[in-house]
Amino acid sequence: MPKTEVGAVDHSVEKTNQWLEQLAGELGKPGDRTYAFRVLRAFLHTLRDRLPLEESAHLAAQLPELLRGVYYERWRPSRTPLTYHDSGTFLDLVAAEALLAGETEAGYAVEAAARVLRQHVTPGELADVRAVLPSSIAVYLEGEQP
């Protein structure tokens, strides 16, 4: 039996909260969903802006509906993908959007967000995303599925 519309919203909120709780734990700040949300939004936006349009949409399809809305927030597809190739720029962009102290904190945050992403996105989709990213950025998405 299909979920009611309200049930689907409730489920999406529940899944999003699971992601945020997992990320808060990965960041060493259990229970701090506000910080986790800032990090996750910045990570997803920065990743989205570096991906080709089609791959970006494929990744979004695997996010909970609520996070999919966050993912597409302020997106300008005509300006993507951005063409930088270095991880420093990727980390700087995450740090700026998440209001992090700099590249070191952003590196830690990106690694944590990528661990959570790997728990929820299929290995095939992650492989597709890694295949279109420069190796210096793709390395963050490598690792074992739980």
Protein backbone atom coordinates (compact mmCIF):
# COMPACT_ATOMS: atom_id res chain seq x y z
CA MET A 1 0.00 0.00 0.00
CA PRO A 2 1.50 3.38 -0.96
CA LYS A 3 2.37 5.84 1.77
CA THR A 4 0.06 8.77 2.26
CA GLU A 5 1.49 12.11 1.23
CA VAL A 6 1.86 13.13 4.87
CA GLY A 7 3.40 9.75 5.67
CA ALA A 8 6.00 10.29 2.95
CA VAL A 9 6.89 13.67 4.44
CA ASP A 10 7.17 12.17 7.91
CA HIS A 11 9.39 9.40 6.57
CA SER A 12 11.64 11.91 4.81
CA VAL A 13 11.99 13.97 7.98
CA GLU A 14 12.83 10.81 9.92
CA LYS A 15 15.47 9.75 7.35
CA THR A 16 16.96 13.25 7.27
CA ASN A 17 17.20 13.27 11.05
CA GLN A 18 18.97 9.90 10.90
CA TRP A 19 21.51 11.33 8.46
CA LEU A 20 22.04 14.37 10.69
CA GLU A 21 22.43 12.27 13.85
CA GLN A 22 24.92 10.01 12.08
CA LEU A 23 26.87 12.98 10.79
CA ALA A 24 26.88 14.72 14.17
CA GLY A 25 28.38 11.55 15.63
CA GLU A 26 30.96 11.30 12.82
CA LEU A 27 31.90 14.93 13.48
CA GLY A 28 32.44 14.20 17.17
CA LYS A 29 29.49 16.42 18.12
CA PRO A 30 26.73 13.97 19.04
CA GLY A 31 23.33 15.62 19.09
CA ASP A 32 24.47 18.81 17.33
CA ARG A 33 22.17 18.56 14.33
CA THR A 34 22.56 22.28 13.58
CA TYR A 35 26.29 21.91 12.96
CA ALA A 36 25.72 18.63 11.11
CA PHE A 37 23.13 20.29 8.87
CA ARG A 38 25.49 23.16 7.99
CA VAL A 39 28.21 20.66 7.08
CA LEU A 40 25.92 18.36 5.11
CA ARG A 41 24.33 21.20 3.14
CA ALA A 42 27.72 22.68 2.27
CA PHE A 43 29.12 19.28 1.30
CA LEU A 44 26.13 18.42 -0.88
CA HIS A 45 26.08 21.85 -2.56
CA THR A 46 29.80 21.79 -3.26
CA LEU A 47 29.63 18.25 -4.61
CA ARG A 48 26.54 19.09 -6.71
CA ASP A 49 28.22 22.12 -8.25
CA ARG A 50 31.23 20.04 -9.33
CA LEU A 51 29.16 17.28 -10.96
CA PRO A 52 27.81 17.22 -14.51
CA LEU A 53 24.06 17.84 -14.65
CA GLU A 54 22.98 14.25 -15.28
CA GLU A 55 25.18 12.78 -12.56
CA SER A 56 24.04 15.44 -10.15
CA ALA A 57 20.42 14.43 -10.75
CA HIS A 58 21.24 10.73 -10.31
CA LEU A 59 22.85 11.42 -6.93
CA ALA A 60 19.92 13.60 -5.84
CA ALA A 61 17.50 10.78 -6.61
CA GLN A 62 19.07 8.72 -3.81
CA LEU A 63 18.65 11.40 -1.14
CA PRO A 64 15.66 11.58 1.21
CA GLU A 65 13.11 14.01 -0.24
CA LEU A 66 13.84 16.67 2.36
CA LEU A 67 17.58 16.50 1.67
CA ARG A 68 16.87 16.50 -2.06
CA GLY A 69 15.22 19.89 -1.59
CA VAL A 70 18.26 21.12 0.33
CA TYR A 71 20.50 19.73 -2.41
CA TYR A 72 18.72 21.73 -5.10
CA GLU A 73 18.46 24.89 -2.99
CA ARG A 74 19.98 27.91 -4.86
CA TRP A 75 21.26 25.64 -7.65
CA ARG A 76 22.05 27.25 -10.97
CA PRO A 77 22.51 24.34 -13.39
CA SER A 78 23.69 26.62 -16.20
CA ARG A 79 26.78 27.42 -14.09
CA THR A 80 27.74 23.82 -13.44
CA PRO A 81 29.85 21.86 -13.40
CA LEU A 82 32.56 24.06 -11.99
CA THR A 83 35.91 23.16 -13.52
CA TYR A 84 38.46 23.34 -10.71
CA HIS A 85 40.52 20.18 -10.18
CA ASP A 86 42.11 20.58 -6.75
CA SER A 87 40.82 19.44 -3.40
CA GLY A 88 41.88 22.74 -1.82
CA THR A 89 39.22 24.64 -3.75
CA PHE A 90 36.63 21.99 -2.89
CA LEU A 91 37.49 22.28 0.82
CA ASP A 92 37.54 26.09 0.68
CA LEU A 93 34.05 26.12 -0.82
CA VAL A 94 32.72 23.75 1.84
CA ALA A 95 34.40 25.80 4.59
CA ALA A 96 32.92 29.05 3.30
CA GLU A 97 29.35 27.74 3.05
CA ALA A 98 29.43 25.78 6.32
CA LEU A 99 31.16 28.62 8.19
CA LEU A 100 34.10 26.39 9.12
CA ALA A 101 37.48 27.62 10.36
CA GLY A 102 39.35 26.64 7.21
CA GLU A 103 40.70 23.80 5.13
CA THR A 104 41.60 21.55 8.06
CA GLU A 105 38.14 21.66 9.64
CA ALA A 106 36.57 21.37 6.18
CA GLY A 107 38.68 18.30 5.40
CA TYR A 108 37.51 16.61 8.57
CA ALA A 109 33.90 17.63 7.85
CA VAL A 110 34.02 16.40 4.24
CA GLU A 111 35.43 13.05 5.31
CA ALA A 112 32.65 12.69 7.90
CA ALA A 113 29.92 13.70 5.43
CA ALA A 114 31.29 11.30 2.83
CA ARG A 115 31.19 8.43 5.36
CA VAL A 116 27.50 9.15 5.96
CA LEU A 117 26.82 9.45 2.23
CA ARG A 118 28.46 6.04 1.68
CA GLN A 119 26.03 4.53 4.19
CA HIS A 120 22.98 5.66 2.23
CA VAL A 121 23.91 5.86 -1.45
CA THR A 122 24.40 2.73 -3.54
CA PRO A 123 27.98 1.68 -4.35
CA GLY A 124 27.18 1.94 -8.07
CA GLU A 125 26.05 5.54 -7.78
CA LEU A 126 29.09 6.44 -5.71
CA ALA A 127 31.30 4.84 -8.36
CA ASP A 128 29.56 6.91 -11.04
CA VAL A 129 30.08 10.11 -9.03
CA ARG A 130 33.76 9.31 -8.41
CA ALA A 131 34.25 8.59 -12.12
CA VAL A 132 33.33 12.15 -13.13
CA LEU A 133 35.29 13.92 -10.39
CA PRO A 134 38.99 14.75 -10.41
CA SER A 135 40.88 12.15 -8.38
CA SER A 136 41.86 14.73 -5.76
CA ILE A 137 38.16 15.18 -4.93
CA ALA A 138 36.92 11.65 -5.70
CA VAL A 139 39.19 10.29 -3.00
CA TYR A 140 36.80 11.65 -0.35
CA LEU A 141 34.07 9.32 -1.62
CA GLU A 142 36.23 6.22 -1.49
CA GLY A 143 35.94 3.79 1.34
CA GLU A 144 34.01 0.77 2.33
CA GLN A 145 30.26 0.55 2.49
CA PRO A 146 29.06 -0.43 5.97
